[in-house]
Protein backbone atom coordinates (compact mmCIF):
# COMPACT_ATOMS: atom_id res chain seq x y z
CA MET A 1 33.91 -93.19 -81.71
CA ARG A 2 33.99 -91.64 -78.24
CA ALA A 3 31.28 -89.17 -79.26
CA LEU A 4 29.12 -92.01 -80.57
CA LYS A 5 29.46 -93.97 -77.31
CA ARG A 6 28.59 -90.85 -75.33
CA ALA A 7 25.55 -90.19 -77.54
CA ILE A 8 24.38 -93.80 -77.12
CA GLY A 9 24.86 -93.54 -73.35
CA LEU A 10 22.86 -90.30 -73.21
CA PHE A 11 20.16 -91.84 -75.40
CA MET A 12 19.91 -94.85 -73.08
CA LEU A 13 19.75 -92.63 -70.00
CA LEU A 14 17.06 -90.49 -71.59
CA SER A 15 15.11 -93.63 -72.53
CA VAL A 16 15.20 -94.85 -68.92
CA VAL A 17 14.10 -91.45 -67.59
CA LEU A 18 11.25 -91.17 -70.09
CA THR A 19 10.14 -94.75 -69.51
CA THR A 20 10.11 -94.21 -65.74
CA ALA A 21 8.13 -90.98 -66.10
CA SER A 22 5.69 -92.68 -68.46
CA LEU A 23 5.16 -95.61 -66.05
CA GLN A 24 4.58 -93.22 -63.15
CA ALA A 25 2.05 -91.26 -65.21
CA GLN A 26 0.26 -94.49 -66.20
CA GLU A 27 0.16 -95.60 -62.56
CA GLN A 28 -1.33 -92.26 -61.51
CA ARG A 29 -4.02 -92.52 -64.23
CA LYS A 30 -4.92 -96.06 -63.09
CA LYS A 31 -5.53 -94.82 -59.55
CA SER A 32 -9.23 -94.30 -58.91
CA GLY A 33 -10.56 -90.78 -58.61
CA VAL A 34 -11.83 -91.65 -55.14
CA ILE A 35 -8.35 -92.63 -53.94
CA GLN A 36 -6.90 -89.46 -55.44
CA GLU A 37 -9.54 -87.36 -53.64
CA LEU A 38 -8.85 -89.08 -50.35
CA GLU A 39 -5.09 -88.67 -50.77
CA LYS A 40 -5.64 -84.92 -51.20
CA ALA A 41 -7.98 -84.84 -48.20
CA ILE A 42 -5.39 -86.40 -45.89
CA ALA A 43 -2.37 -84.54 -47.33
CA GLY A 44 0.06 -83.75 -44.53
CA ARG A 45 -1.51 -86.36 -42.25
CA GLU A 46 -0.66 -89.50 -44.24
CA ASN A 47 1.58 -90.95 -41.54
CA GLU A 48 -0.74 -90.29 -38.61
CA PRO A 49 -2.62 -93.28 -37.18
CA ALA A 50 -5.68 -94.09 -39.29
CA GLU A 51 -8.10 -93.58 -36.39
CA LYS A 52 -6.89 -89.98 -35.96
CA VAL A 53 -7.39 -89.16 -39.64
CA PHE A 54 -10.52 -91.12 -40.56
CA LYS A 55 -13.80 -91.41 -38.67
CA ASN A 56 -15.30 -94.74 -37.61
CA ILE A 57 -12.14 -96.83 -37.97
CA LYS A 58 -12.78 -100.16 -36.29
CA MET A 59 -10.17 -102.25 -38.07
CA LEU A 60 -6.67 -101.21 -39.16
CA LYS A 61 -6.19 -99.03 -36.08
CA GLY A 62 -2.66 -97.83 -35.43
CA ILE A 63 -1.44 -98.02 -39.00
CA PRO A 64 -0.64 -94.90 -41.04
CA ALA A 65 -3.68 -93.38 -42.76
CA ILE A 66 -2.05 -93.65 -46.19
CA ARG A 67 -1.64 -97.37 -45.66
CA VAL A 68 -5.41 -97.74 -45.21
CA LEU A 69 -5.87 -96.24 -48.66
CA ARG A 70 -3.24 -98.59 -50.12
CA ILE A 71 -4.89 -101.62 -48.48
CA MET A 72 -8.24 -100.62 -49.98
CA GLU A 73 -6.74 -99.75 -53.38
CA ASN A 74 -4.31 -102.65 -53.78
CA GLY A 75 -5.92 -105.24 -51.52
CA PHE A 76 -9.68 -105.16 -51.21
CA SER A 77 -10.57 -103.68 -54.61
CA PRO A 78 -8.62 -106.12 -56.80
CA ALA A 79 -9.19 -109.11 -54.52
CA LEU A 80 -12.96 -108.72 -54.76
CA GLY A 81 -13.13 -106.99 -58.14
CA VAL A 82 -14.97 -103.99 -56.70
CA LYS A 83 -14.67 -100.23 -56.36
CA CYS A 84 -14.69 -98.31 -53.07
CA THR A 85 -18.43 -97.68 -53.25
CA PHE A 86 -19.17 -101.40 -53.01
CA CYS A 87 -18.69 -101.13 -49.22
CA HIS A 88 -18.72 -97.35 -48.72
CA VAL A 89 -21.20 -94.57 -49.34
CA LYS A 90 -19.30 -92.09 -51.53
CA GLY A 91 -18.51 -88.94 -49.59
CA GLU A 92 -19.73 -90.53 -46.35
CA TRP A 93 -16.82 -92.92 -45.87
CA ASP A 94 -17.54 -93.31 -42.15
CA SER A 95 -21.12 -94.44 -42.74
CA ASP A 96 -22.06 -97.99 -41.80
CA GLU A 97 -25.14 -97.87 -44.05
CA LYS A 98 -23.94 -100.61 -46.38
CA PRO A 99 -23.91 -104.11 -44.86
CA GLU A 100 -20.91 -105.00 -47.06
CA LYS A 101 -18.73 -102.79 -44.87
CA GLU A 102 -19.52 -104.83 -41.75
CA THR A 103 -19.05 -108.04 -43.74
CA ALA A 104 -15.58 -106.81 -44.73
CA ARG A 105 -14.74 -106.15 -41.07
CA LYS A 106 -15.84 -109.67 -40.13
CA MET A 107 -13.83 -111.14 -43.00
CA MET A 108 -10.72 -109.19 -41.90
CA LYS A 109 -11.10 -110.64 -38.41
CA MET A 110 -11.52 -114.14 -39.85
CA VAL A 111 -8.46 -113.77 -42.08
CA GLY A 112 -6.40 -112.61 -39.09
CA GLU A 113 -7.48 -115.63 -37.08
CA ILE A 114 -6.67 -118.01 -39.93
CA ARG A 115 -3.24 -116.40 -40.41
CA GLU A 116 -2.41 -116.96 -36.75
CA GLU A 117 -3.56 -120.57 -36.93
CA LEU A 118 -1.53 -121.14 -40.11
CA LYS A 119 1.60 -119.94 -38.35
CA ASN A 120 1.07 -122.62 -35.71
CA ILE A 121 0.32 -125.36 -38.24
CA VAL A 122 2.54 -124.57 -41.23
CA ASP A 123 5.17 -121.95 -40.42
CA GLU A 124 5.71 -118.26 -39.71
CA LYS A 125 5.74 -117.31 -43.42
CA ALA A 126 2.42 -118.94 -44.29
CA THR A 127 -0.31 -116.43 -45.01
CA ILE A 128 -3.63 -115.85 -46.68
CA ASN A 129 -5.47 -112.76 -47.81
CA CYS A 130 -8.79 -111.84 -49.44
CA TYR A 131 -7.59 -113.01 -52.85
CA THR A 132 -6.91 -116.51 -51.50
CA CYS A 133 -10.64 -117.23 -51.64
CA HIS A 134 -12.18 -114.43 -53.67
CA ARG A 135 -9.88 -114.53 -56.72
CA GLY A 136 -11.19 -111.17 -57.95
CA ASP A 137 -14.87 -111.96 -57.39
CA VAL A 138 -17.29 -110.66 -54.77
CA GLU A 139 -18.33 -114.21 -53.91
CA PRO A 140 -15.55 -116.46 -52.63
CA ALA A 141 -14.62 -119.38 -54.85
CA LEU A 142 -16.15 -122.54 -53.40
CA ARG A 143 -14.54 -124.89 -55.89
CA PRO A 144 -11.95 -124.68 -58.66
CA LYS A 145 -13.10 -123.13 -61.92
CA LYS A 146 -13.13 -125.46 -64.91
């Protein structure tokens, strides 16, 4: 009986380990190739301020470089339903060629202003983000979907 309990315990532990490894592998596969490339490019400098690692940083100054990638990967991309190259020229990440990049900067400023105003009106925990209006679409939702 003791051997059976031990075997079951080992089986459960192995299941957890394998499940965790599988989930991590799936997460890595989901990550865009662009993000993976940029992670490699900044390896060893991930925690330096973004403006010291990336060129032409106008927003998100002072935060760790890796956090910029996470904001793009987990914030902008899903909130607008786009890939990195919607706002950026691939391989020329500092380029301002695409007008969408400047629009994103203006929207970030607007969101920051609204957040501050919300704190004064509602409470400290109230917040908004890109998804609040965009709901996964490039164009912000102007009315509820039917």
